[in-house]
Amino acid sequence: MQYADIAIAVLGAFALAWLADLVTGRRGLFATSLVSGVAAVVGWFLAIRVFAIGTMDEWGWVVWALTASALALGGFFLFRSKR
């Protein structure tokens, strides 16, 4: 499959968002999906364009994307309003 790494990154980011939403009490899958998706794109951008540690033909950027997604979700739940 030519685009398997992209599919894995998208599904992984959504799975992280779903898991974070499930663990924190179902407060909104759209918000966690948005945070996770944007952070995954940022992780890709850092790995490919900024630090140039890999190319789109390798799997290293997927790890960066999912790590950025997990960190952003952690920050999202740490700093969001608790009214």
C-alpha atoms as a PDB file:
ATOM      1  CA  MET A   1       0.000   0.000   0.000  1.00  0.00           C
ATOM      2  CA  GLN A   2       1.413   3.289  -1.085  1.00  0.00           C
ATOM      3  CA  TYR A   3      -0.271   5.497   1.512  1.00  0.00           C
ATOM      4  CA  ALA A   4      -0.302   3.121   4.479  1.00  0.00           C
ATOM      5  CA  ASP A   5       1.824   5.419   6.636  1.00  0.00           C
ATOM      6  CA  ILE A   6      -0.567   8.325   6.119  1.00  0.00           C
ATOM      7  CA  ALA A   7      -3.563   6.135   6.930  1.00  0.00           C
ATOM      8  CA  ILE A   8      -1.849   4.857  10.089  1.00  0.00           C
ATOM      9  CA  ALA A   9      -1.060   8.426  11.187  1.00  0.00           C
ATOM     10  CA  VAL A  10      -4.646   9.609  10.635  1.00  0.00           C
ATOM     11  CA  LEU A  11      -6.182   6.598  12.362  1.00  0.00           C
ATOM     12  CA  GLY A  12      -3.640   6.823  15.189  1.00  0.00           C
ATOM     13  CA  ALA A  13      -4.399  10.499  15.795  1.00  0.00           C
ATOM     14  CA  PHE A  14      -8.133   9.779  15.849  1.00  0.00           C
ATOM     15  CA  ALA A  15      -7.611   6.804  18.166  1.00  0.00           C
ATOM     16  CA  LEU A  16      -5.615   8.983  20.559  1.00  0.00           C
ATOM     17  CA  ALA A  17      -8.376  11.615  20.489  1.00  0.00           C
ATOM     18  CA  TRP A  18     -11.066   9.004  21.093  1.00  0.00           C
ATOM     19  CA  LEU A  19      -9.090   7.447  23.944  1.00  0.00           C
ATOM     20  CA  ALA A  20      -8.429  10.834  25.563  1.00  0.00           C
ATOM     21  CA  ASP A  21     -12.103  11.731  25.265  1.00  0.00           C
ATOM     22  CA  LEU A  22     -13.108   8.399  26.754  1.00  0.00           C
ATOM     23  CA  VAL A  23     -10.675   8.655  29.675  1.00  0.00           C
ATOM     24  CA  THR A  24     -11.631  12.234  30.569  1.00  0.00           C
ATOM     25  CA  GLY A  25     -15.354  11.689  30.712  1.00  0.00           C
ATOM     26  CA  ARG A  26     -16.695  12.212  27.198  1.00  0.00           C
ATOM     27  CA  ARG A  27     -16.570  15.999  26.989  1.00  0.00           C
ATOM     28  CA  GLY A  28     -16.477  16.326  23.229  1.00  0.00           C
ATOM     29  CA  LEU A  29     -14.939  14.164  20.555  1.00  0.00           C
ATOM     30  CA  PHE A  30     -14.838  17.035  18.043  1.00  0.00           C
ATOM     31  CA  ALA A  31     -12.576  19.179  20.235  1.00  0.00           C
ATOM     32  CA  THR A  32     -10.172  16.369  21.027  1.00  0.00           C
ATOM     33  CA  SER A  33     -10.129  15.286  17.373  1.00  0.00           C
ATOM     34  CA  LEU A  34      -9.322  18.834  16.305  1.00  0.00           C
ATOM     35  CA  VAL A  35      -6.489  19.155  18.818  1.00  0.00           C
ATOM     36  CA  SER A  36      -5.123  15.748  17.919  1.00  0.00           C
ATOM     37  CA  GLY A  37      -5.317  16.321  14.160  1.00  0.00           C
ATOM     38  CA  VAL A  38      -3.662  19.736  14.253  1.00  0.00           C
ATOM     39  CA  ALA A  39      -0.917  18.433  16.528  1.00  0.00           C
ATOM     40  CA  ALA A  40      -0.315  15.479  14.201  1.00  0.00           C
ATOM     41  CA  VAL A  41       0.166  17.883  11.295  1.00  0.00           C
ATOM     42  CA  VAL A  42       2.556  19.939  13.438  1.00  0.00           C
ATOM     43  CA  GLY A  43       4.495  16.780  14.313  1.00  0.00           C
ATOM     44  CA  TRP A  44       4.745  15.899  10.628  1.00  0.00           C
ATOM     45  CA  PHE A  45       5.891  19.432   9.796  1.00  0.00           C
ATOM     46  CA  LEU A  46       8.573  19.370  12.481  1.00  0.00           C
ATOM     47  CA  ALA A  47       9.893  15.982  11.427  1.00  0.00           C
ATOM     48  CA  ILE A  48       9.889  16.555   7.669  1.00  0.00           C
ATOM     49  CA  ARG A  49      10.357  20.277   7.125  1.00  0.00           C
ATOM     50  CA  VAL A  50      12.015  21.749  10.216  1.00  0.00           C
ATOM     51  CA  PHE A  51      14.411  19.117  11.515  1.00  0.00           C
ATOM     52  CA  ALA A  52      14.615  17.084   8.284  1.00  0.00           C
ATOM     53  CA  ILE A  53      15.066  13.809  10.144  1.00  0.00           C
ATOM     54  CA  GLY A  54      13.246  11.815   7.509  1.00  0.00           C
ATOM     55  CA  THR A  55      11.196  11.803   4.369  1.00  0.00           C
ATOM     56  CA  MET A  56       7.633  10.833   3.568  1.00  0.00           C
ATOM     57  CA  ASP A  57       8.942   7.451   2.407  1.00  0.00           C
ATOM     58  CA  GLU A  58      10.027   6.531   5.940  1.00  0.00           C
ATOM     59  CA  TRP A  59       7.977   5.779   9.052  1.00  0.00           C
ATOM     60  CA  GLY A  60       9.791   8.111  11.464  1.00  0.00           C
ATOM     61  CA  TRP A  61       7.430  10.996  10.865  1.00  0.00           C
ATOM     62  CA  VAL A  62       4.478   8.897  12.003  1.00  0.00           C
ATOM     63  CA  VAL A  63       6.081   8.543  15.428  1.00  0.00           C
ATOM     64  CA  TRP A  64       6.665  12.300  15.543  1.00  0.00           C
ATOM     65  CA  ALA A  65       3.062  12.993  14.529  1.00  0.00           C
ATOM     66  CA  LEU A  66       1.578  10.685  17.155  1.00  0.00           C
ATOM     67  CA  THR A  67       3.941  11.969  19.852  1.00  0.00           C
ATOM     68  CA  ALA A  68       2.956  15.553  19.085  1.00  0.00           C
ATOM     69  CA  SER A  69      -0.684  14.517  19.167  1.00  0.00           C
ATOM     70  CA  ALA A  70      -0.323  12.899  22.592  1.00  0.00           C
ATOM     71  CA  LEU A  71       1.556  15.916  23.987  1.00  0.00           C
ATOM     72  CA  ALA A  72      -1.032  18.350  22.648  1.00  0.00           C
ATOM     73  CA  LEU A  73      -3.893  16.328  24.096  1.00  0.00           C
ATOM     74  CA  GLY A  74      -2.116  16.310  27.458  1.00  0.00           C
ATOM     75  CA  GLY A  75      -1.719  20.075  27.302  1.00  0.00           C
ATOM     76  CA  PHE A  76      -5.293  20.513  26.160  1.00  0.00           C
ATOM     77  CA  PHE A  77      -6.676  18.714  29.178  1.00  0.00           C
ATOM     78  CA  LEU A  78      -4.168  20.324  31.526  1.00  0.00           C
ATOM     79  CA  PHE A  79      -4.843  23.947  30.553  1.00  0.00           C
ATOM     80  CA  ARG A  80      -8.489  24.023  29.500  1.00  0.00           C
ATOM     81  CA  SER A  81     -11.136  25.836  31.494  1.00  0.00           C
ATOM     82  CA  LYS A  82     -12.726  23.838  34.316  1.00  0.00           C
ATOM     83  CA  ARG A  83     -15.918  25.860  34.879  1.00  0.00           C
END
